Amino acid sequence: MTEAIAVSNIILWVIVIVLALVVLALARQVGVLHERVAPAGALMPTNGPKVGELTETMSLSDINGNAVSIGGPNPDRQNTLVMFISPTCPVCKSLVPTAKSLANAERNRLQLMFASDGDKLEQHQAYARDLKLEKFPYVLSEKLGMAYEVSKLPFAVLIGSDGTLQSKGLVNTREHLESLIEAMDTGIATLQDYVGLAQQEFNHSVKEKAS
């Protein structure tokens, strides 16, 4: 009887050790896959102003009647992130706190603005109060949306301090917003372009080793 219990314990320990090794192998494989799968950046449309082009200075008014300038060289040497939102866009509402957090983290070099269109001023004022946007300019301008070919929301545009368009695209997550900043820092228009460039360099390295 004692021998049977000892044998069963040994078998159980063997099974536990094998399962532990399997879990470690799976964890390692997940790590490899995580490295290979590139993060999704903001989806940049092909129409509208191109990255690297000088943007036009647009003199507008925010929903409180204050003068706002968007585009062109920034006298305060700040980059400008313009996020296009709407009271009828649920994704926009969930992403606004993220945009505010990102702007706070980058406050030394970035100013955040919000934009929308329509003629229901009171609705947008209530929307801004609900999202606590008092510290950020919020403009209503159909002309602004048309200038950057905004067709879907939420959409963000990053303008450099020198007035050039640094990056733009549809943004649904914090990673999408951060990819706009990353594109500006790396000088590569989109994260997808960065991944493509890295893949080209990798393929070139493989060919050199093969030859």
C-alpha atoms as a PDB file:
ATOM      1  CA  MET A   1       0.000   0.000   0.000  1.00  0.00           C
ATOM      2  CA  THR A   2       2.805   2.356   0.975  1.00  0.00           C
ATOM      3  CA  GLU A   3       4.646   1.592  -2.244  1.00  0.00           C
ATOM      4  CA  ALA A   4       1.515   2.366  -4.325  1.00  0.00           C
ATOM      5  CA  ILE A   5       1.140   5.773  -2.625  1.00  0.00           C
ATOM      6  CA  ALA A   6       4.810   6.547  -3.209  1.00  0.00           C
ATOM      7  CA  VAL A   7       4.547   5.610  -6.883  1.00  0.00           C
ATOM      8  CA  SER A   8       1.404   7.724  -7.322  1.00  0.00           C
ATOM      9  CA  ASN A   9       3.127  10.717  -5.670  1.00  0.00           C
ATOM     10  CA  ILE A  10       6.106  10.338  -7.984  1.00  0.00           C
ATOM     11  CA  ILE A  11       3.785  10.210 -11.006  1.00  0.00           C
ATOM     12  CA  LEU A  12       1.929  13.327  -9.813  1.00  0.00           C
ATOM     13  CA  TRP A  13       5.208  15.208  -9.346  1.00  0.00           C
ATOM     14  CA  VAL A  14       6.333  14.201 -12.815  1.00  0.00           C
ATOM     15  CA  ILE A  15       3.041  15.482 -14.243  1.00  0.00           C
ATOM     16  CA  VAL A  16       3.404  18.778 -12.332  1.00  0.00           C
ATOM     17  CA  ILE A  17       6.966  19.248 -13.597  1.00  0.00           C
ATOM     18  CA  VAL A  18       5.910  18.507 -17.188  1.00  0.00           C
ATOM     19  CA  LEU A  19       2.997  20.972 -16.925  1.00  0.00           C
ATOM     20  CA  ALA A  20       5.334  23.625 -15.503  1.00  0.00           C
ATOM     21  CA  LEU A  21       7.714  23.149 -18.435  1.00  0.00           C
ATOM     22  CA  VAL A  22       4.798  23.414 -20.891  1.00  0.00           C
ATOM     23  CA  VAL A  23       3.615  26.670 -19.273  1.00  0.00           C
ATOM     24  CA  LEU A  24       7.133  28.124 -19.468  1.00  0.00           C
ATOM     25  CA  ALA A  25       7.389  27.145 -23.128  1.00  0.00           C
ATOM     26  CA  LEU A  26       4.014  28.749 -23.881  1.00  0.00           C
ATOM     27  CA  ALA A  27       4.984  31.911 -22.004  1.00  0.00           C
ATOM     28  CA  ARG A  28       8.184  32.150 -24.037  1.00  0.00           C
ATOM     29  CA  GLN A  29       6.236  31.668 -27.276  1.00  0.00           C
ATOM     30  CA  VAL A  30       3.782  34.412 -26.301  1.00  0.00           C
ATOM     31  CA  GLY A  31       6.733  36.723 -25.697  1.00  0.00           C
ATOM     32  CA  VAL A  32       8.142  35.928 -29.146  1.00  0.00           C
ATOM     33  CA  LEU A  33       4.773  36.584 -30.783  1.00  0.00           C
ATOM     34  CA  HIS A  34       4.450  39.868 -28.875  1.00  0.00           C
ATOM     35  CA  GLU A  35       7.787  41.010 -30.286  1.00  0.00           C
ATOM     36  CA  ARG A  36       6.851  40.009 -33.819  1.00  0.00           C
ATOM     37  CA  VAL A  37       3.391  41.570 -33.851  1.00  0.00           C
ATOM     38  CA  ALA A  38       3.772  45.289 -34.432  1.00  0.00           C
ATOM     39  CA  PRO A  39       1.591  47.735 -32.490  1.00  0.00           C
ATOM     40  CA  ALA A  40      -1.125  49.360 -34.568  1.00  0.00           C
ATOM     41  CA  GLY A  41      -0.575  53.026 -35.168  1.00  0.00           C
ATOM     42  CA  ALA A  42      -3.093  55.650 -36.161  1.00  0.00           C
ATOM     43  CA  LEU A  43      -4.572  54.912 -39.585  1.00  0.00           C
ATOM     44  CA  MET A  44      -3.498  57.783 -41.821  1.00  0.00           C
ATOM     45  CA  PRO A  45      -5.732  58.534 -44.828  1.00  0.00           C
ATOM     46  CA  THR A  46      -4.146  59.192 -48.194  1.00  0.00           C
ATOM     47  CA  ASN A  47      -6.158  62.314 -48.961  1.00  0.00           C
ATOM     48  CA  GLY A  48      -5.789  65.781 -47.480  1.00  0.00           C
ATOM     49  CA  PRO A  49      -2.563  67.614 -46.525  1.00  0.00           C
ATOM     50  CA  LYS A  50       0.572  65.488 -46.607  1.00  0.00           C
ATOM     51  CA  VAL A  51       2.989  64.959 -43.738  1.00  0.00           C
ATOM     52  CA  GLY A  52       5.843  67.438 -44.020  1.00  0.00           C
ATOM     53  CA  GLU A  53       3.766  70.115 -45.748  1.00  0.00           C
ATOM     54  CA  LEU A  54       3.425  73.562 -44.208  1.00  0.00           C
ATOM     55  CA  THR A  55      -0.063  74.006 -42.788  1.00  0.00           C
ATOM     56  CA  GLU A  56      -2.182  77.066 -43.373  1.00  0.00           C
ATOM     57  CA  THR A  57      -2.760  79.390 -40.439  1.00  0.00           C
ATOM     58  CA  MET A  58      -6.469  79.496 -39.631  1.00  0.00           C
ATOM     59  CA  SER A  59      -7.832  82.175 -37.319  1.00  0.00           C
ATOM     60  CA  LEU A  60     -10.890  80.808 -35.537  1.00  0.00           C
ATOM     61  CA  SER A  61     -12.970  81.318 -32.401  1.00  0.00           C
ATOM     62  CA  ASP A  62     -13.605  78.715 -29.739  1.00  0.00           C
ATOM     63  CA  ILE A  63     -17.027  77.933 -28.296  1.00  0.00           C
ATOM     64  CA  ASN A  64     -16.523  80.659 -25.679  1.00  0.00           C
ATOM     65  CA  GLY A  65     -15.715  83.340 -28.237  1.00  0.00           C
ATOM     66  CA  ASN A  66     -11.957  83.390 -27.672  1.00  0.00           C
ATOM     67  CA  ALA A  67      -9.631  83.820 -30.643  1.00  0.00           C
ATOM     68  CA  VAL A  68      -7.758  80.635 -31.602  1.00  0.00           C
ATOM     69  CA  SER A  69      -5.087  80.122 -34.244  1.00  0.00           C
ATOM     70  CA  ILE A  70      -4.523  76.651 -35.694  1.00  0.00           C
ATOM     71  CA  GLY A  71      -1.766  75.856 -38.170  1.00  0.00           C
ATOM     72  CA  GLY A  72       1.304  77.739 -39.279  1.00  0.00           C
ATOM     73  CA  PRO A  73       4.383  78.424 -37.105  1.00  0.00           C
ATOM     74  CA  ASN A  74       3.611  78.547 -33.388  1.00  0.00           C
ATOM     75  CA  PRO A  75       4.962  81.688 -31.654  1.00  0.00           C
ATOM     76  CA  ASP A  76       5.280  79.743 -28.380  1.00  0.00           C
ATOM     77  CA  ARG A  77       7.303  76.997 -30.117  1.00  0.00           C
ATOM     78  CA  GLN A  78       4.713  74.439 -29.113  1.00  0.00           C
ATOM     79  CA  ASN A  79       3.501  71.489 -31.147  1.00  0.00           C
ATOM     80  CA  THR A  80      -0.267  71.418 -31.546  1.00  0.00           C
ATOM     81  CA  LEU A  81      -2.439  68.315 -31.288  1.00  0.00           C
ATOM     82  CA  VAL A  82      -5.918  68.920 -32.683  1.00  0.00           C
ATOM     83  CA  MET A  83      -8.428  66.196 -31.839  1.00  0.00           C
ATOM     84  CA  PHE A  84     -11.664  66.145 -33.813  1.00  0.00           C
ATOM     85  CA  ILE A  85     -14.578  64.894 -31.730  1.00  0.00           C
ATOM     86  CA  SER A  86     -18.378  65.010 -31.627  1.00  0.00           C
ATOM     87  CA  PRO A  87     -21.090  64.755 -28.950  1.00  0.00           C
ATOM     88  CA  THR A  88     -22.602  61.877 -30.944  1.00  0.00           C
ATOM     89  CA  CYS A  89     -19.354  59.862 -31.017  1.00  0.00           C
ATOM     90  CA  PRO A  90     -19.113  57.424 -28.061  1.00  0.00           C
ATOM     91  CA  VAL A  91     -15.489  56.522 -28.850  1.00  0.00           C
ATOM     92  CA  CYS A  92     -14.572  60.215 -28.754  1.00  0.00           C
ATOM     93  CA  LYS A  93     -15.989  60.579 -25.265  1.00  0.00           C
ATOM     94  CA  SER A  94     -14.039  57.599 -23.970  1.00  0.00           C
ATOM     95  CA  LEU A  95     -10.799  58.800 -25.590  1.00  0.00           C
ATOM     96  CA  VAL A  96     -10.875  62.450 -24.478  1.00  0.00           C
ATOM     97  CA  PRO A  97      -9.495  61.687 -20.962  1.00  0.00           C
ATOM     98  CA  THR A  98      -6.643  59.789 -22.634  1.00  0.00           C
ATOM     99  CA  ALA A  99      -5.858  62.762 -24.864  1.00  0.00           C
ATOM    100  CA  LYS A 100      -5.854  65.053 -21.831  1.00  0.00           C
ATOM    101  CA  SER A 101      -3.518  62.693 -19.972  1.00  0.00           C
ATOM    102  CA  LEU A 102      -1.157  62.543 -22.941  1.00  0.00           C
ATOM    103  CA  ALA A 103      -1.179  66.327 -23.281  1.00  0.00           C
ATOM    104  CA  ASN A 104      -0.352  66.659 -19.594  1.00  0.00           C
ATOM    105  CA  ALA A 105       2.578  64.251 -19.944  1.00  0.00           C
ATOM    106  CA  GLU A 106       3.856  66.214 -22.968  1.00  0.00           C
ATOM    107  CA  ARG A 107       2.905  69.659 -21.655  1.00  0.00           C
ATOM    108  CA  ASN A 108       6.418  71.066 -22.095  1.00  0.00           C
ATOM    109  CA  ARG A 109       6.182  70.774 -25.850  1.00  0.00           C
ATOM    110  CA  LEU A 110       2.556  70.071 -26.737  1.00  0.00           C
ATOM    111  CA  GLN A 111      -0.713  71.982 -26.630  1.00  0.00           C
ATOM    112  CA  LEU A 112      -4.030  70.176 -27.032  1.00  0.00           C
ATOM    113  CA  MET A 113      -7.063  71.540 -28.863  1.00  0.00           C
ATOM    114  CA  PHE A 114     -10.431  70.029 -29.680  1.00  0.00           C
ATOM    115  CA  ALA A 115     -12.483  70.610 -32.803  1.00  0.00           C
ATOM    116  CA  SER A 116     -15.879  69.727 -34.181  1.00  0.00           C
ATOM    117  CA  ASP A 117     -18.509  71.179 -36.497  1.00  0.00           C
ATOM    118  CA  GLY A 118     -22.210  71.936 -36.513  1.00  0.00           C
ATOM    119  CA  ASP A 119     -24.339  74.879 -35.470  1.00  0.00           C
ATOM    120  CA  LYS A 120     -25.610  73.623 -32.082  1.00  0.00           C
ATOM    121  CA  LEU A 121     -23.314  75.759 -29.958  1.00  0.00           C
ATOM    122  CA  GLU A 122     -25.105  75.067 -26.666  1.00  0.00           C
ATOM    123  CA  GLN A 123     -24.849  71.311 -27.226  1.00  0.00           C
ATOM    124  CA  HIS A 124     -21.093  71.564 -27.686  1.00  0.00           C
ATOM    125  CA  GLN A 125     -20.727  73.855 -24.683  1.00  0.00           C
ATOM    126  CA  ALA A 126     -22.577  71.308 -22.534  1.00  0.00           C
ATOM    127  CA  TYR A 127     -20.443  68.536 -24.036  1.00  0.00           C
ATOM    128  CA  ALA A 128     -17.254  70.437 -23.173  1.00  0.00           C
ATOM    129  CA  ARG A 129     -18.444  70.972 -19.597  1.00  0.00           C
ATOM    130  CA  ASP A 130     -19.313  67.293 -19.257  1.00  0.00           C
ATOM    131  CA  LEU A 131     -15.804  66.302 -20.409  1.00  0.00           C
ATOM    132  CA  LYS A 132     -14.158  69.063 -18.340  1.00  0.00           C
ATOM    133  CA  LEU A 133     -12.477  70.748 -21.308  1.00  0.00           C
ATOM    134  CA  GLU A 134     -12.396  74.228 -19.799  1.00  0.00           C
ATOM    135  CA  LYS A 135      -8.595  74.393 -20.036  1.00  0.00           C
ATOM    136  CA  PHE A 136      -8.507  73.436 -23.709  1.00  0.00           C
ATOM    137  CA  PRO A 137      -9.631  75.430 -26.750  1.00  0.00           C
ATOM    138  CA  TYR A 138     -12.658  73.847 -28.434  1.00  0.00           C
ATOM    139  CA  VAL A 139     -13.533  75.183 -31.866  1.00  0.00           C
ATOM    140  CA  LEU A 140     -16.524  74.624 -34.123  1.00  0.00           C
ATOM    141  CA  SER A 141     -15.393  74.899 -37.723  1.00  0.00           C
ATOM    142  CA  GLU A 142     -16.524  72.995 -40.776  1.00  0.00           C
ATOM    143  CA  LYS A 143     -13.710  74.696 -42.698  1.00  0.00           C
ATOM    144  CA  LEU A 144     -11.083  73.214 -40.364  1.00  0.00           C
ATOM    145  CA  GLY A 145     -12.414  69.682 -40.795  1.00  0.00           C
ATOM    146  CA  MET A 146     -12.525  70.082 -44.560  1.00  0.00           C
ATOM    147  CA  ALA A 147      -8.964  71.450 -44.641  1.00  0.00           C
ATOM    148  CA  TYR A 148      -7.639  68.232 -43.093  1.00  0.00           C
ATOM    149  CA  GLU A 149     -10.110  65.946 -44.892  1.00  0.00           C
ATOM    150  CA  VAL A 150     -11.640  64.630 -41.659  1.00  0.00           C
ATOM    151  CA  SER A 151     -14.208  62.006 -42.632  1.00  0.00           C
ATOM    152  CA  LYS A 152     -14.346  59.756 -39.549  1.00  0.00           C
ATOM    153  CA  LEU A 153     -14.026  60.330 -35.820  1.00  0.00           C
ATOM    154  CA  PRO A 154     -12.116  60.435 -33.589  1.00  0.00           C
ATOM    155  CA  PHE A 155      -9.411  61.971 -35.764  1.00  0.00           C
ATOM    156  CA  ALA A 156      -6.239  63.722 -34.665  1.00  0.00           C
ATOM    157  CA  VAL A 157      -3.785  66.060 -36.370  1.00  0.00           C
ATOM    158  CA  LEU A 158      -0.335  66.887 -35.006  1.00  0.00           C
ATOM    159  CA  ILE A 159       1.194  70.159 -36.214  1.00  0.00           C
ATOM    160  CA  GLY A 160       4.828  70.910 -35.452  1.00  0.00           C
ATOM    161  CA  SER A 161       5.989  74.145 -33.871  1.00  0.00           C
ATOM    162  CA  ASP A 162       7.311  75.198 -37.282  1.00  0.00           C
ATOM    163  CA  GLY A 163       3.850  74.791 -38.797  1.00  0.00           C
ATOM    164  CA  THR A 164       4.509  71.577 -40.718  1.00  0.00           C
ATOM    165  CA  LEU A 165       2.122  68.662 -40.533  1.00  0.00           C
ATOM    166  CA  GLN A 166       3.880  66.013 -38.445  1.00  0.00           C
ATOM    167  CA  SER A 167       1.270  63.245 -38.435  1.00  0.00           C
ATOM    168  CA  LYS A 168      -2.461  62.612 -38.616  1.00  0.00           C
ATOM    169  CA  GLY A 169      -4.944  59.771 -38.567  1.00  0.00           C
ATOM    170  CA  LEU A 170      -7.897  57.996 -37.048  1.00  0.00           C
ATOM    171  CA  VAL A 171      -7.359  57.407 -33.340  1.00  0.00           C
ATOM    172  CA  ASN A 172      -9.321  54.908 -31.269  1.00  0.00           C
ATOM    173  CA  THR A 173      -6.845  54.108 -28.487  1.00  0.00           C
ATOM    174  CA  ARG A 174      -4.043  55.662 -26.462  1.00  0.00           C
ATOM    175  CA  GLU A 175      -1.580  53.719 -28.612  1.00  0.00           C
ATOM    176  CA  HIS A 176      -2.973  55.456 -31.697  1.00  0.00           C
ATOM    177  CA  LEU A 177      -2.504  58.866 -30.112  1.00  0.00           C
ATOM    178  CA  GLU A 178       0.992  58.021 -28.899  1.00  0.00           C
ATOM    179  CA  SER A 179       1.896  56.809 -32.388  1.00  0.00           C
ATOM    180  CA  LEU A 180       1.374  60.365 -33.669  1.00  0.00           C
ATOM    181  CA  ILE A 181       3.935  61.638 -31.167  1.00  0.00           C
ATOM    182  CA  GLU A 182       6.256  58.755 -32.033  1.00  0.00           C
ATOM    183  CA  ALA A 183       5.940  59.594 -35.727  1.00  0.00           C
ATOM    184  CA  MET A 184       6.994  63.170 -34.988  1.00  0.00           C
ATOM    185  CA  ASP A 185       9.962  62.080 -32.862  1.00  0.00           C
ATOM    186  CA  THR A 186      11.250  59.527 -35.359  1.00  0.00           C
ATOM    187  CA  GLY A 187      10.576  61.608 -38.451  1.00  0.00           C
ATOM    188  CA  ILE A 188       8.635  58.700 -39.965  1.00  0.00           C
ATOM    189  CA  ALA A 189       5.091  59.558 -41.028  1.00  0.00           C
ATOM    190  CA  THR A 190       3.321  56.551 -39.488  1.00  0.00           C
ATOM    191  CA  LEU A 191       4.058  53.589 -37.274  1.00  0.00           C
ATOM    192  CA  GLN A 192       3.177  51.361 -40.215  1.00  0.00           C
ATOM    193  CA  ASP A 193       5.946  53.034 -42.241  1.00  0.00           C
ATOM    194  CA  TYR A 194       8.353  52.458 -39.346  1.00  0.00           C
ATOM    195  CA  VAL A 195       7.480  48.766 -39.236  1.00  0.00           C
ATOM    196  CA  GLY A 196       7.886  48.541 -43.022  1.00  0.00           C
ATOM    197  CA  LEU A 197      11.301  50.202 -42.825  1.00  0.00           C
ATOM    198  CA  ALA A 198      12.394  47.846 -40.044  1.00  0.00           C
ATOM    199  CA  GLN A 199      11.243  44.874 -42.118  1.00  0.00           C
ATOM    200  CA  GLN A 200      13.219  46.107 -45.126  1.00  0.00           C
ATOM    201  CA  GLU A 201      16.345  46.473 -43.006  1.00  0.00           C
ATOM    202  CA  PHE A 202      15.826  42.985 -41.608  1.00  0.00           C
ATOM    203  CA  ASN A 203      15.400  41.481 -45.090  1.00  0.00           C
ATOM    204  CA  HIS A 204      18.506  43.325 -46.297  1.00  0.00           C
ATOM    205  CA  SER A 205      20.491  41.982 -43.330  1.00  0.00           C
ATOM    206  CA  VAL A 206      19.327  38.419 -44.064  1.00  0.00           C
ATOM    207  CA  LYS A 207      20.352  38.739 -47.709  1.00  0.00           C
ATOM    208  CA  GLU A 208      23.815  40.025 -46.755  1.00  0.00           C
ATOM    209  CA  LYS A 209      24.356  37.118 -44.378  1.00  0.00           C
ATOM    210  CA  ALA A 210      23.155  34.662 -47.019  1.00  0.00           C
ATOM    211  CA  SER A 211      25.595  36.033 -49.584  1.00  0.00           C
END
